[in-house]
Amino acid sequence: MRGSATITWYSDPDGHGRVMGRSTLVPTATGAQGYSSLDSFLSGRIHSGTFAGHGVTARALPTTDVRSCFGRGLDSVGLRGNVSIS
């Protein structure tokens, strides 16, 4: 697994409030099991920003259409779910 993900932290659970911070997540090589294959990308360590240095495991469902992923890849994807920080 290569790449990174940006987590945006909002002041309300709907993601429509004020942005409280951002974290850059670098996934672990092994990933994690979850709702979808995207979950394997959301298990790793926060590299920079809010909660830098902490481990993270997340389970999320896409909020954008991801059907093109297999043929062309994705530049970005919206997700909604739960994050555990250790």
C-alpha atoms as a PDB file:
ATOM      1  CA  MET A   1       0.000   0.000   0.000  1.00  0.00           C
ATOM      2  CA  ARG A   2       1.408   3.378  -1.012  1.00  0.00           C
ATOM      3  CA  GLY A   3       0.189   6.921  -0.706  1.00  0.00           C
ATOM      4  CA  SER A   4      -1.400   9.020   1.971  1.00  0.00           C
ATOM      5  CA  ALA A   5      -4.807  10.242   3.054  1.00  0.00           C
ATOM      6  CA  THR A   6      -5.885  13.566   4.487  1.00  0.00           C
ATOM      7  CA  ILE A   7      -8.386  13.487   7.333  1.00  0.00           C
ATOM      8  CA  THR A   8     -10.303  16.738   7.843  1.00  0.00           C
ATOM      9  CA  TRP A   9     -11.689  17.242  11.339  1.00  0.00           C
ATOM     10  CA  TYR A  10     -14.948  19.228  11.532  1.00  0.00           C
ATOM     11  CA  SER A  11     -16.704  20.872  14.462  1.00  0.00           C
ATOM     12  CA  ASP A  12     -19.898  18.887  13.851  1.00  0.00           C
ATOM     13  CA  PRO A  13     -20.530  15.234  12.970  1.00  0.00           C
ATOM     14  CA  ASP A  14     -22.088  16.088   9.591  1.00  0.00           C
ATOM     15  CA  GLY A  15     -18.904  17.617   8.200  1.00  0.00           C
ATOM     16  CA  HIS A  16     -20.575  20.968   7.529  1.00  0.00           C
ATOM     17  CA  GLY A  17     -19.152  22.921  10.460  1.00  0.00           C
ATOM     18  CA  ARG A  18     -15.889  24.742  10.932  1.00  0.00           C
ATOM     19  CA  VAL A  19     -12.680  22.901  10.003  1.00  0.00           C
ATOM     20  CA  MET A  20     -10.897  22.125  13.294  1.00  0.00           C
ATOM     21  CA  GLY A  21      -7.747  20.638  11.768  1.00  0.00           C
ATOM     22  CA  ARG A  22      -6.265  18.239   9.232  1.00  0.00           C
ATOM     23  CA  SER A  23      -4.129  15.124   9.569  1.00  0.00           C
ATOM     24  CA  THR A  24      -2.045  13.311   6.980  1.00  0.00           C
ATOM     25  CA  LEU A  25      -2.319   9.554   7.389  1.00  0.00           C
ATOM     26  CA  VAL A  26       0.323   7.163   6.032  1.00  0.00           C
ATOM     27  CA  PRO A  27      -1.128   3.630   5.796  1.00  0.00           C
ATOM     28  CA  THR A  28       0.553   0.496   7.141  1.00  0.00           C
ATOM     29  CA  ALA A  29       1.723  -2.047   4.578  1.00  0.00           C
ATOM     30  CA  THR A  30      -0.672  -4.722   5.843  1.00  0.00           C
ATOM     31  CA  GLY A  31      -3.784  -2.584   6.201  1.00  0.00           C
ATOM     32  CA  ALA A  32      -6.862  -3.635   8.138  1.00  0.00           C
ATOM     33  CA  GLN A  33     -10.112  -5.409   7.421  1.00  0.00           C
ATOM     34  CA  GLY A  34     -13.309  -3.398   7.410  1.00  0.00           C
ATOM     35  CA  TYR A  35     -16.404  -2.390   5.495  1.00  0.00           C
ATOM     36  CA  SER A  36     -14.596  -1.971   2.195  1.00  0.00           C
ATOM     37  CA  SER A  37     -11.153  -2.163   0.604  1.00  0.00           C
ATOM     38  CA  LEU A  38     -10.771   1.534   1.398  1.00  0.00           C
ATOM     39  CA  ASP A  39     -10.517   0.600   5.087  1.00  0.00           C
ATOM     40  CA  SER A  40      -7.152  -1.049   4.485  1.00  0.00           C
ATOM     41  CA  PHE A  41      -5.870   2.374   3.444  1.00  0.00           C
ATOM     42  CA  LEU A  42      -7.141   3.944   6.685  1.00  0.00           C
ATOM     43  CA  SER A  43      -4.990   2.005   9.118  1.00  0.00           C
ATOM     44  CA  GLY A  44      -1.601   3.473   9.939  1.00  0.00           C
ATOM     45  CA  ARG A  45       0.119   6.403  11.604  1.00  0.00           C
ATOM     46  CA  ILE A  46      -0.704  10.092  11.431  1.00  0.00           C
ATOM     47  CA  HIS A  47       2.374  11.625   9.850  1.00  0.00           C
ATOM     48  CA  SER A  48       1.591  15.323  10.240  1.00  0.00           C
ATOM     49  CA  GLY A  49      -1.033  17.784  11.412  1.00  0.00           C
ATOM     50  CA  THR A  50      -3.576  17.245  14.157  1.00  0.00           C
ATOM     51  CA  PHE A  51      -2.718  14.104  16.215  1.00  0.00           C
ATOM     52  CA  ALA A  52       0.714  13.716  14.521  1.00  0.00           C
ATOM     53  CA  GLY A  53       2.576  10.612  15.713  1.00  0.00           C
ATOM     54  CA  HIS A  54      -0.542   8.729  16.799  1.00  0.00           C
ATOM     55  CA  GLY A  55      -1.716   5.427  15.363  1.00  0.00           C
ATOM     56  CA  VAL A  56      -5.101   5.295  13.686  1.00  0.00           C
ATOM     57  CA  THR A  57      -7.591   2.669  12.597  1.00  0.00           C
ATOM     58  CA  ALA A  58     -10.677   3.680  10.664  1.00  0.00           C
ATOM     59  CA  ARG A  59     -13.749   2.087   9.141  1.00  0.00           C
ATOM     60  CA  ALA A  60     -15.482   4.118   6.466  1.00  0.00           C
ATOM     61  CA  LEU A  61     -17.935   3.962   3.605  1.00  0.00           C
ATOM     62  CA  PRO A  62     -17.405   6.044   0.475  1.00  0.00           C
ATOM     63  CA  THR A  63     -19.696   9.017  -0.044  1.00  0.00           C
ATOM     64  CA  THR A  64     -18.548   9.447  -3.640  1.00  0.00           C
ATOM     65  CA  ASP A  65     -18.769   7.086  -6.609  1.00  0.00           C
ATOM     66  CA  VAL A  66     -15.740   4.750  -6.522  1.00  0.00           C
ATOM     67  CA  ARG A  67     -16.655   2.495  -9.442  1.00  0.00           C
ATOM     68  CA  SER A  68     -13.930   3.993 -11.655  1.00  0.00           C
ATOM     69  CA  CYS A  69     -11.221   2.977  -9.166  1.00  0.00           C
ATOM     70  CA  PHE A  70     -10.442  -0.349 -10.836  1.00  0.00           C
ATOM     71  CA  GLY A  71      -9.956   1.097 -14.305  1.00  0.00           C
ATOM     72  CA  ARG A  72      -8.476   4.540 -13.691  1.00  0.00           C
ATOM     73  CA  GLY A  73      -7.698   4.876 -10.005  1.00  0.00           C
ATOM     74  CA  LEU A  74      -8.905   7.718  -7.814  1.00  0.00           C
ATOM     75  CA  ASP A  75      -7.393  11.109  -7.047  1.00  0.00           C
ATOM     76  CA  SER A  76      -9.699  11.586  -4.072  1.00  0.00           C
ATOM     77  CA  VAL A  77     -12.665   9.964  -2.362  1.00  0.00           C
ATOM     78  CA  GLY A  78     -15.092  11.212   0.258  1.00  0.00           C
ATOM     79  CA  LEU A  79     -15.659   8.926   3.246  1.00  0.00           C
ATOM     80  CA  ARG A  80     -17.878   8.804   6.306  1.00  0.00           C
ATOM     81  CA  GLY A  81     -17.216   6.519   9.239  1.00  0.00           C
ATOM     82  CA  ASN A  82     -15.429   6.029  12.559  1.00  0.00           C
ATOM     83  CA  VAL A  83     -11.820   6.704  13.511  1.00  0.00           C
ATOM     84  CA  SER A  84      -9.938   5.284  16.516  1.00  0.00           C
ATOM     85  CA  ILE A  85      -6.748   7.098  17.534  1.00  0.00           C
ATOM     86  CA  SER A  86      -4.177   5.495  19.810  1.00  0.00           C
END
